[in-house]
């Protein structure tokens, strides 16, 4: 029984690692839009940007979204579309 649970937990960790890896961006640097383009897009949509950095090949944005909620969000550097949206408040609730 213990061995079965250990194997199930191991496979679960592997599966979650693979799922997370799929959420990262894999665009060549030559195809990236400038950070300023993302900043302008988000500010036009009502965001207040505190910081933009690069993480796992994506733009990672810290700020306040159009609804006034603190946000830490990832954007594809080529399309500037959201890749993974995480509200900082949702993390605080866990």
PDB file of N, CA and C in Angstrom:
ATOM      1  N   UNK A   1       0.821  -1.188   0.000  1.00  0.00           N
ATOM      2  CA  UNK A   1       0.000   0.000   0.000  1.00  0.00           C
ATOM      3  C   UNK A   1       0.868   1.255   0.000  1.00  0.00           C
ATOM      4  N   UNK A   2       1.885   1.305   0.869  1.00  0.00           N
ATOM      5  CA  UNK A   2       2.765   2.460   0.960  1.00  0.00           C
ATOM      6  C   UNK A   2       3.511   2.665  -0.351  1.00  0.00           C
ATOM      7  N   UNK A   3       3.940   1.564  -0.943  1.00  0.00           N
ATOM      8  CA  UNK A   3       4.671   1.634  -2.212  1.00  0.00           C
ATOM      9  C   UNK A   3       3.761   2.196  -3.321  1.00  0.00           C
ATOM     10  N   UNK A   4       2.510   1.786  -3.339  1.00  0.00           N
ATOM     11  CA  UNK A   4       1.558   2.278  -4.333  1.00  0.00           C
ATOM     12  C   UNK A   4       1.340   3.777  -4.167  1.00  0.00           C
ATOM     13  N   UNK A   5       1.183   4.227  -2.931  1.00  0.00           N
ATOM     14  CA  UNK A   5       1.009   5.656  -2.671  1.00  0.00           C
ATOM     15  C   UNK A   5       2.241   6.448  -3.076  1.00  0.00           C
ATOM     16  N   UNK A   6       3.415   5.906  -2.806  1.00  0.00           N
ATOM     17  CA  UNK A   6       4.663   6.576  -3.175  1.00  0.00           C
ATOM     18  C   UNK A   6       4.778   6.704  -4.688  1.00  0.00           C
ATOM     19  N   UNK A   7       4.445   5.644  -5.413  1.00  0.00           N
ATOM     20  CA  UNK A   7       4.485   5.694  -6.875  1.00  0.00           C
ATOM     21  C   UNK A   7       3.464   6.699  -7.422  1.00  0.00           C
ATOM     22  N   UNK A   8       2.272   6.708  -6.847  1.00  0.00           N
ATOM     23  CA  UNK A   8       1.242   7.647  -7.296  1.00  0.00           C
ATOM     24  C   UNK A   8       1.688   9.091  -7.055  1.00  0.00           C
ATOM     25  N   UNK A   9       2.287   9.341  -5.918  1.00  0.00           N
ATOM     26  CA  UNK A   9       2.770  10.694  -5.607  1.00  0.00           C
ATOM     27  C   UNK A   9       3.885  11.103  -6.557  1.00  0.00           C
ATOM     28  N   UNK A  10       4.785  10.180  -6.859  1.00  0.00           N
ATOM     29  CA  UNK A  10       5.886  10.467  -7.783  1.00  0.00           C
ATOM     30  C   UNK A  10       5.359  10.803  -9.165  1.00  0.00           C
ATOM     31  N   UNK A  11       4.425  10.017  -9.681  1.00  0.00           N
ATOM     32  CA  UNK A  11       3.852  10.285 -10.997  1.00  0.00           C
ATOM     33  C   UNK A  11       3.073  11.601 -10.998  1.00  0.00           C
ATOM     34  N   UNK A  12       2.417  11.913  -9.900  1.00  0.00           N
ATOM     35  CA  UNK A  12       1.698  13.182  -9.794  1.00  0.00           C
ATOM     36  C   UNK A  12       2.639  14.371  -9.874  1.00  0.00           C
ATOM     37  N   UNK A  13       3.785  14.275  -9.191  1.00  0.00           N
ATOM     38  CA  UNK A  13       4.773  15.357  -9.250  1.00  0.00           C
ATOM     39  C   UNK A  13       5.339  15.515 -10.652  1.00  0.00           C
ATOM     40  N   UNK A  14       5.615  14.407 -11.316  1.00  0.00           N
ATOM     41  CA  UNK A  14       6.138  14.453 -12.687  1.00  0.00           C
ATOM     42  C   UNK A  14       5.109  15.082 -13.612  1.00  0.00           C
ATOM     43  N   UNK A  15       3.859  14.682 -13.489  1.00  0.00           N
ATOM     44  CA  UNK A  15       2.803  15.224 -14.349  1.00  0.00           C
ATOM     45  C   UNK A  15       2.622  16.714 -14.119  1.00  0.00           C
ATOM     46  N   UNK A  16       2.678  17.160 -12.870  1.00  0.00           N
ATOM     47  CA  UNK A  16       2.507  18.595 -12.609  1.00  0.00           C
ATOM     48  C   UNK A  16       3.698  19.387 -13.124  1.00  0.00           C
ATOM     49  N   UNK A  17       4.894  18.818 -13.083  1.00  0.00           N
ATOM     50  CA  UNK A  17       6.072  19.492 -13.628  1.00  0.00           C
ATOM     51  C   UNK A  17       5.954  19.654 -15.129  1.00  0.00           C
ATOM     52  N   UNK A  18       5.462  18.630 -15.806  1.00  0.00           N
ATOM     53  CA  UNK A  18       5.278  18.694 -17.249  1.00  0.00           C
ATOM     54  C   UNK A  18       4.208  19.729 -17.590  1.00  0.00           C
ATOM     55  N   UNK A  19       3.125  19.767 -16.845  1.00  0.00           N
ATOM     56  CA  UNK A  19       2.062  20.740 -17.098  1.00  0.00           C
ATOM     57  C   UNK A  19       2.583  22.153 -16.899  1.00  0.00           C
ATOM     58  N   UNK A  20       3.383  22.379 -15.870  1.00  0.00           N
ATOM     59  CA  UNK A  20       3.930  23.710 -15.634  1.00  0.00           C
ATOM     60  C   UNK A  20       4.878  24.098 -16.747  1.00  0.00           C
ATOM     61  N   UNK A  21       5.683  23.174 -17.227  1.00  0.00           N
ATOM     62  CA  UNK A  21       6.634  23.460 -18.291  1.00  0.00           C
ATOM     63  C   UNK A  21       5.923  23.899 -19.556  1.00  0.00           C
ATOM     64  N   UNK A  22       4.727  23.388 -19.812  1.00  0.00           N
ATOM     65  CA  UNK A  22       3.974  23.770 -20.994  1.00  0.00           C
ATOM     66  C   UNK A  22       3.498  25.221 -20.928  1.00  0.00           C
ATOM     67  N   UNK A  23       3.428  25.795 -19.720  1.00  0.00           N
ATOM     68  CA  UNK A  23       2.935  27.149 -19.567  1.00  0.00           C
ATOM     69  C   UNK A  23       4.017  28.199 -19.777  1.00  0.00           C
ATOM     70  N   UNK A  24       5.277  27.782 -19.936  1.00  0.00           N
ATOM     71  CA  UNK A  24       6.330  28.748 -20.180  1.00  0.00           C
ATOM     72  C   UNK A  24       6.351  29.122 -21.655  1.00  0.00           C
ATOM     73  N   UNK A  25       6.973  30.237 -21.946  1.00  0.00           N
ATOM     74  CA  UNK A  25       7.027  30.730 -23.321  1.00  0.00           C
ATOM     75  C   UNK A  25       8.286  30.203 -24.009  1.00  0.00           C
ATOM     76  N   UNK A  26       8.156  29.850 -25.265  1.00  0.00           N
ATOM     77  CA  UNK A  26       9.314  29.352 -26.014  1.00  0.00           C
ATOM     78  C   UNK A  26       9.373  30.048 -27.368  1.00  0.00           C
ATOM     79  N   UNK A  27       9.631  31.340 -27.336  1.00  0.00           N
ATOM     80  CA  UNK A  27       9.703  32.164 -28.531  1.00  0.00           C
ATOM     81  C   UNK A  27      11.133  32.672 -28.656  1.00  0.00           C
ATOM     82  N   UNK A  28      11.681  32.614 -29.868  1.00  0.00           N
ATOM     83  CA  UNK A  28      13.043  33.110 -30.037  1.00  0.00           C
ATOM     84  C   UNK A  28      13.073  34.609 -29.775  1.00  0.00           C
ATOM     85  N   UNK A  29      14.168  35.079 -29.227  1.00  0.00           N
ATOM     86  CA  UNK A  29      14.300  36.485 -28.836  1.00  0.00           C
ATOM     87  C   UNK A  29      14.054  37.428 -30.022  1.00  0.00           C
ATOM     88  N   UNK A  30      14.371  36.991 -31.231  1.00  0.00           N
ATOM     89  CA  UNK A  30      14.173  37.821 -32.426  1.00  0.00           C
ATOM     90  C   UNK A  30      12.693  38.113 -32.690  1.00  0.00           C
ATOM     91  N   UNK A  31      11.791  37.263 -32.166  1.00  0.00           N
ATOM     92  CA  UNK A  31      10.358  37.429 -32.398  1.00  0.00           C
ATOM     93  C   UNK A  31       9.655  38.234 -31.306  1.00  0.00           C
ATOM     94  N   UNK A  32      10.373  38.605 -30.261  1.00  0.00           N
ATOM     95  CA  UNK A  32       9.769  39.307 -29.139  1.00  0.00           C
ATOM     96  C   UNK A  32       9.356  40.722 -29.516  1.00  0.00           C
ATOM     97  N   UNK A  33       8.218  41.140 -28.985  1.00  0.00           N
ATOM     98  CA  UNK A  33       7.840  42.539 -29.057  1.00  0.00           C
ATOM     99  C   UNK A  33       8.521  43.251 -27.882  1.00  0.00           C
ATOM    100  N   UNK A  34       8.777  44.538 -28.019  1.00  0.00           N
ATOM    101  CA  UNK A  34       9.444  45.252 -26.920  1.00  0.00           C
ATOM    102  C   UNK A  34       8.569  45.329 -25.669  1.00  0.00           C
ATOM    103  N   UNK A  35       9.227  45.404 -24.539  1.00  0.00           N
ATOM    104  CA  UNK A  35       8.532  45.514 -23.251  1.00  0.00           C
ATOM    105  C   UNK A  35       7.588  46.712 -23.244  1.00  0.00           C
ATOM    106  N   UNK A  36       7.991  47.788 -23.879  1.00  0.00           N
ATOM    107  CA  UNK A  36       7.164  48.999 -23.912  1.00  0.00           C
ATOM    108  C   UNK A  36       5.816  48.745 -24.595  1.00  0.00           C
ATOM    109  N   UNK A  37       5.784  47.856 -25.588  1.00  0.00           N
ATOM    110  CA  UNK A  37       4.524  47.527 -26.268  1.00  0.00           C
ATOM    111  C   UNK A  37       3.561  46.846 -25.297  1.00  0.00           C
ATOM    112  N   UNK A  38       4.079  45.952 -24.459  1.00  0.00           N
ATOM    113  CA  UNK A  38       3.239  45.293 -23.457  1.00  0.00           C
ATOM    114  C   UNK A  38       2.760  46.298 -22.422  1.00  0.00           C
ATOM    115  N   UNK A  39       3.664  47.151 -21.972  1.00  0.00           N
ATOM    116  CA  UNK A  39       3.305  48.171 -20.987  1.00  0.00           C
ATOM    117  C   UNK A  39       2.173  49.049 -21.528  1.00  0.00           C
ATOM    118  N   UNK A  40       2.298  49.484 -22.772  1.00  0.00           N
ATOM    119  CA  UNK A  40       1.283  50.344 -23.373  1.00  0.00           C
ATOM    120  C   UNK A  40      -0.056  49.618 -23.506  1.00  0.00           C
ATOM    121  N   UNK A  41      -0.007  48.356 -23.945  1.00  0.00           N
ATOM    122  CA  UNK A  41      -1.240  47.564 -24.093  1.00  0.00           C
ATOM    123  C   UNK A  41      -1.972  47.441 -22.768  1.00  0.00           C
ATOM    124  N   UNK A  42      -1.226  47.116 -21.709  1.00  0.00           N
ATOM    125  CA  UNK A  42      -1.852  46.910 -20.401  1.00  0.00           C
ATOM    126  C   UNK A  42      -2.347  48.218 -19.789  1.00  0.00           C
ATOM    127  N   UNK A  43      -1.574  49.275 -19.917  1.00  0.00           N
ATOM    128  CA  UNK A  43      -2.001  50.558 -19.362  1.00  0.00           C
ATOM    129  C   UNK A  43      -3.248  51.068 -20.085  1.00  0.00           C
ATOM    130  N   UNK A  44      -3.334  50.827 -21.384  1.00  0.00           N
ATOM    131  CA  UNK A  44      -4.531  51.197 -22.142  1.00  0.00           C
ATOM    132  C   UNK A  44      -5.747  50.419 -21.644  1.00  0.00           C
ATOM    133  N   UNK A  45      -5.514  49.186 -21.192  1.00  0.00           N
ATOM    134  CA  UNK A  45      -6.601  48.344 -20.674  1.00  0.00           C
ATOM    135  C   UNK A  45      -6.913  48.641 -19.210  1.00  0.00           C
ATOM    136  N   UNK A  46      -6.244  49.631 -18.610  1.00  0.00           N
ATOM    137  CA  UNK A  46      -6.555  50.023 -17.246  1.00  0.00           C
ATOM    138  C   UNK A  46      -5.614  49.507 -16.172  1.00  0.00           C
ATOM    139  N   UNK A  47      -4.541  48.823 -16.564  1.00  0.00           N
ATOM    140  CA  UNK A  47      -3.575  48.313 -15.595  1.00  0.00           C
ATOM    141  C   UNK A  47      -2.687  49.447 -15.092  1.00  0.00           C
ATOM    142  N   UNK A  48      -2.172  49.267 -13.865  1.00  0.00           N
ATOM    143  CA  UNK A  48      -1.105  50.101 -13.333  1.00  0.00           C
ATOM    144  C   UNK A  48       0.083  49.170 -13.119  1.00  0.00           C
ATOM    145  N   UNK A  49       1.143  49.392 -13.861  1.00  0.00           N
ATOM    146  CA  UNK A  49       2.297  48.494 -13.862  1.00  0.00           C
ATOM    147  C   UNK A  49       3.320  48.937 -12.822  1.00  0.00           C
ATOM    148  N   UNK A  50       3.722  48.000 -11.965  1.00  0.00           N
ATOM    149  CA  UNK A  50       4.802  48.259 -11.008  1.00  0.00           C
ATOM    150  C   UNK A  50       6.141  47.790 -11.560  1.00  0.00           C
ATOM    151  N   UNK A  51       6.126  46.638 -12.229  1.00  0.00           N
ATOM    152  CA  UNK A  51       7.380  46.051 -12.710  1.00  0.00           C
ATOM    153  C   UNK A  51       7.088  45.036 -13.805  1.00  0.00           C
ATOM    154  N   UNK A  52       7.969  44.988 -14.799  1.00  0.00           N
ATOM    155  CA  UNK A  52       7.931  43.943 -15.816  1.00  0.00           C
ATOM    156  C   UNK A  52       9.309  43.309 -15.839  1.00  0.00           C
ATOM    157  N   UNK A  53       9.341  41.984 -15.757  1.00  0.00           N
ATOM    158  CA  UNK A  53      10.612  41.269 -15.849  1.00  0.00           C
ATOM    159  C   UNK A  53      10.427  40.048 -16.736  1.00  0.00           C
ATOM    160  N   UNK A  54      11.511  39.366 -17.022  1.00  0.00           N
ATOM    161  CA  UNK A  54      11.473  38.154 -17.852  1.00  0.00           C
ATOM    162  C   UNK A  54      11.629  36.945 -16.932  1.00  0.00           C
ATOM    163  N   UNK A  55      10.711  35.974 -17.084  1.00  0.00           N
ATOM    164  CA  UNK A  55      10.750  34.750 -16.294  1.00  0.00           C
ATOM    165  C   UNK A  55      10.302  33.591 -17.171  1.00  0.00           C
ATOM    166  N   UNK A  56      11.100  32.559 -17.258  1.00  0.00           N
ATOM    167  CA  UNK A  56      10.794  31.369 -18.065  1.00  0.00           C
ATOM    168  C   UNK A  56      10.456  31.729 -19.509  1.00  0.00           C
ATOM    169  N   UNK A  57      11.132  32.742 -20.043  1.00  0.00           N
ATOM    170  CA  UNK A  57      10.922  33.130 -21.433  1.00  0.00           C
ATOM    171  C   UNK A  57       9.663  33.942 -21.672  1.00  0.00           C
ATOM    172  N   UNK A  58       8.977  34.331 -20.597  1.00  0.00           N
ATOM    173  CA  UNK A  58       7.761  35.137 -20.699  1.00  0.00           C
ATOM    174  C   UNK A  58       8.021  36.495 -20.053  1.00  0.00           C
ATOM    175  N   UNK A  59       7.176  37.458 -20.417  1.00  0.00           N
ATOM    176  CA  UNK A  59       7.146  38.697 -19.648  1.00  0.00           C
ATOM    177  C   UNK A  59       6.314  38.424 -18.402  1.00  0.00           C
ATOM    178  N   UNK A  60       6.842  38.781 -17.252  1.00  0.00           N
ATOM    179  CA  UNK A  60       6.116  38.650 -15.997  1.00  0.00           C
ATOM    180  C   UNK A  60       5.796  40.065 -15.512  1.00  0.00           C
ATOM    181  N   UNK A  61       4.525  40.343 -15.300  1.00  0.00           N
ATOM    182  CA  UNK A  61       4.089  41.691 -14.949  1.00  0.00           C
ATOM    183  C   UNK A  61       3.539  41.695 -13.529  1.00  0.00           C
ATOM    184  N   UNK A  62       4.001  42.662 -12.745  1.00  0.00           N
ATOM    185  CA  UNK A  62       3.492  42.897 -11.402  1.00  0.00           C
ATOM    186  C   UNK A  62       2.787  44.245 -11.415  1.00  0.00           C
ATOM    187  N   UNK A  63       1.602  44.283 -10.872  1.00  0.00           N
ATOM    188  CA  UNK A  63       0.888  45.545 -10.825  1.00  0.00           C
ATOM    189  C   UNK A  63      -0.533  45.360 -10.347  1.00  0.00           C
ATOM    190  N   UNK A  64      -1.386  46.259 -10.813  1.00  0.00           N
ATOM    191  CA  UNK A  64      -2.801  46.229 -10.474  1.00  0.00           C
ATOM    192  C   UNK A  64      -3.585  46.119 -11.764  1.00  0.00           C
ATOM    193  N   UNK A  65      -4.488  45.147 -11.849  1.00  0.00           N
ATOM    194  CA  UNK A  65      -5.239  44.953 -13.090  1.00  0.00           C
ATOM    195  C   UNK A  65      -6.364  45.982 -13.207  1.00  0.00           C
ATOM    196  N   UNK A  66      -7.125  45.898 -14.272  1.00  0.00           N
ATOM    197  CA  UNK A  66      -8.187  46.865 -14.559  1.00  0.00           C
ATOM    198  C   UNK A  66      -9.286  46.863 -13.494  1.00  0.00           C
ATOM    199  N   UNK A  67      -9.388  45.773 -12.733  1.00  0.00           N
ATOM    200  CA  UNK A  67     -10.396  45.673 -11.664  1.00  0.00           C
ATOM    201  C   UNK A  67      -9.871  46.162 -10.322  1.00  0.00           C
ATOM    202  N   UNK A  68      -8.630  46.647 -10.303  1.00  0.00           N
ATOM    203  CA  UNK A  68      -8.039  47.137  -9.062  1.00  0.00           C
ATOM    204  C   UNK A  68      -7.422  46.068  -8.191  1.00  0.00           C
ATOM    205  N   UNK A  69      -7.309  44.845  -8.697  1.00  0.00           N
ATOM    206  CA  UNK A  69      -6.709  43.745  -7.929  1.00  0.00           C
ATOM    207  C   UNK A  69      -5.213  43.655  -8.223  1.00  0.00           C
ATOM    208  N   UNK A  70      -4.436  43.383  -7.172  1.00  0.00           N
ATOM    209  CA  UNK A  70      -3.016  43.123  -7.386  1.00  0.00           C
ATOM    210  C   UNK A  70      -2.880  41.901  -8.273  1.00  0.00           C
ATOM    211  N   UNK A  71      -1.945  41.961  -9.211  1.00  0.00           N
ATOM    212  CA  UNK A  71      -1.793  40.844 -10.131  1.00  0.00           C
ATOM    213  C   UNK A  71      -0.323  40.571 -10.412  1.00  0.00           C
ATOM    214  N   UNK A  72      -0.026  39.305 -10.593  1.00  0.00           N
ATOM    215  CA  UNK A  72       1.263  38.830 -11.090  1.00  0.00           C
ATOM    216  C   UNK A  72       0.895  37.955 -12.275  1.00  0.00           C
ATOM    217  N   UNK A  73       1.170  38.424 -13.476  1.00  0.00           N
ATOM    218  CA  UNK A  73       0.690  37.750 -14.678  1.00  0.00           C
ATOM    219  C   UNK A  73       1.821  37.544 -15.671  1.00  0.00           C
ATOM    220  N   UNK A  74       1.691  36.486 -16.471  1.00  0.00           N
ATOM    221  CA  UNK A  74       2.671  36.151 -17.491  1.00  0.00           C
ATOM    222  C   UNK A  74       2.087  36.394 -18.873  1.00  0.00           C
ATOM    223  N   UNK A  75       2.923  36.927 -19.775  1.00  0.00           N
ATOM    224  CA  UNK A  75       2.484  37.236 -21.128  1.00  0.00           C
ATOM    225  C   UNK A  75       3.478  36.695 -22.142  1.00  0.00           C
ATOM    226  N   UNK A  76       2.947  36.163 -23.236  1.00  0.00           N
ATOM    227  CA  UNK A  76       3.764  35.678 -24.336  1.00  0.00           C
ATOM    228  C   UNK A  76       4.477  36.878 -24.968  1.00  0.00           C
ATOM    229  N   UNK A  77       5.789  36.827 -25.125  1.00  0.00           N
ATOM    230  CA  UNK A  77       6.510  37.990 -25.642  1.00  0.00           C
ATOM    231  C   UNK A  77       6.287  38.259 -27.133  1.00  0.00           C
ATOM    232  N   UNK A  78       5.762  37.298 -27.852  1.00  0.00           N
ATOM    233  CA  UNK A  78       5.498  37.496 -29.283  1.00  0.00           C
ATOM    234  C   UNK A  78       4.107  38.080 -29.504  1.00  0.00           C
ATOM    235  N   UNK A  79       3.088  37.477 -28.904  1.00  0.00           N
ATOM    236  CA  UNK A  79       1.705  37.899 -29.111  1.00  0.00           C
ATOM    237  C   UNK A  79       1.221  38.892 -28.054  1.00  0.00           C
ATOM    238  N   UNK A  80       1.916  38.959 -26.938  1.00  0.00           N
ATOM    239  CA  UNK A  80       1.531  39.755 -25.765  1.00  0.00           C
ATOM    240  C   UNK A  80       0.219  39.285 -25.157  1.00  0.00           C
ATOM    241  N   UNK A  81      -0.177  38.054 -25.462  1.00  0.00           N
ATOM    242  CA  UNK A  81      -1.372  37.448 -24.869  1.00  0.00           C
ATOM    243  C   UNK A  81      -1.018  36.852 -23.512  1.00  0.00           C
ATOM    244  N   UNK A  82      -1.973  36.808 -22.583  1.00  0.00           N
ATOM    245  CA  UNK A  82      -1.708  36.196 -21.274  1.00  0.00           C
ATOM    246  C   UNK A  82      -1.386  34.715 -21.420  1.00  0.00           C
ATOM    247  N   UNK A  83      -0.417  34.268 -20.632  1.00  0.00           N
ATOM    248  CA  UNK A  83      -0.040  32.857 -20.630  1.00  0.00           C
ATOM    249  C   UNK A  83      -0.561  32.195 -19.372  1.00  0.00           C
ATOM    250  N   UNK A  84      -0.383  32.848 -18.251  1.00  0.00           N
ATOM    251  CA  UNK A  84      -0.818  32.306 -16.966  1.00  0.00           C
ATOM    252  C   UNK A  84      -1.147  33.486 -16.081  1.00  0.00           C
ATOM    253  N   UNK A  85      -2.351  33.556 -15.611  1.00  0.00           N
ATOM    254  CA  UNK A  85      -2.747  34.669 -14.766  1.00  0.00           C
ATOM    255  C   UNK A  85      -2.877  34.207 -13.330  1.00  0.00           C
ATOM    256  N   UNK A  86      -2.144  34.847 -12.438  1.00  0.00           N
ATOM    257  CA  UNK A  86      -2.214  34.546 -11.007  1.00  0.00           C
ATOM    258  C   UNK A  86      -2.472  35.832 -10.260  1.00  0.00           C
ATOM    259  N   UNK A  87      -3.583  35.898  -9.580  1.00  0.00           N
ATOM    260  CA  UNK A  87      -3.856  37.051  -8.735  1.00  0.00           C
ATOM    261  C   UNK A  87      -3.107  36.871  -7.423  1.00  0.00           C
ATOM    262  N   UNK A  88      -2.413  37.883  -6.986  1.00  0.00           N
ATOM    263  CA  UNK A  88      -1.670  37.826  -5.726  1.00  0.00           C
ATOM    264  C   UNK A  88      -2.616  37.567  -4.565  1.00  0.00           C
ATOM    265  N   UNK A  89      -3.839  38.071  -4.655  1.00  0.00           N
ATOM    266  CA  UNK A  89      -4.799  37.839  -3.583  1.00  0.00           C
ATOM    267  C   UNK A  89      -5.204  36.374  -3.523  1.00  0.00           C
ATOM    268  N   UNK A  90      -5.298  35.701  -4.661  1.00  0.00           N
ATOM    269  CA  UNK A  90      -5.652  34.279  -4.664  1.00  0.00           C
ATOM    270  C   UNK A  90      -4.572  33.482  -3.953  1.00  0.00           C
ATOM    271  N   UNK A  91      -3.299  33.870  -4.124  1.00  0.00           N
ATOM    272  CA  UNK A  91      -2.205  33.171  -3.450  1.00  0.00           C
ATOM    273  C   UNK A  91      -2.282  33.406  -1.952  1.00  0.00           C
ATOM    274  N   UNK A  92      -2.668  34.618  -1.528  1.00  0.00           N
ATOM    275  CA  UNK A  92      -2.768  34.930  -0.106  1.00  0.00           C
ATOM    276  C   UNK A  92      -3.852  34.128   0.589  1.00  0.00           C
ATOM    277  N   UNK A  93      -4.899  33.750  -0.166  1.00  0.00           N
ATOM    278  CA  UNK A  93      -6.014  33.003   0.404  1.00  0.00           C
ATOM    279  C   UNK A  93      -5.661  31.558   0.688  1.00  0.00           C
ATOM    280  N   UNK A  94      -4.616  31.042   0.056  1.00  0.00           N
ATOM    281  CA  UNK A  94      -4.284  29.607   0.211  1.00  0.00           C
ATOM    282  C   UNK A  94      -3.514  29.317   1.461  1.00  0.00           C
TER     283      UNK A  94
END
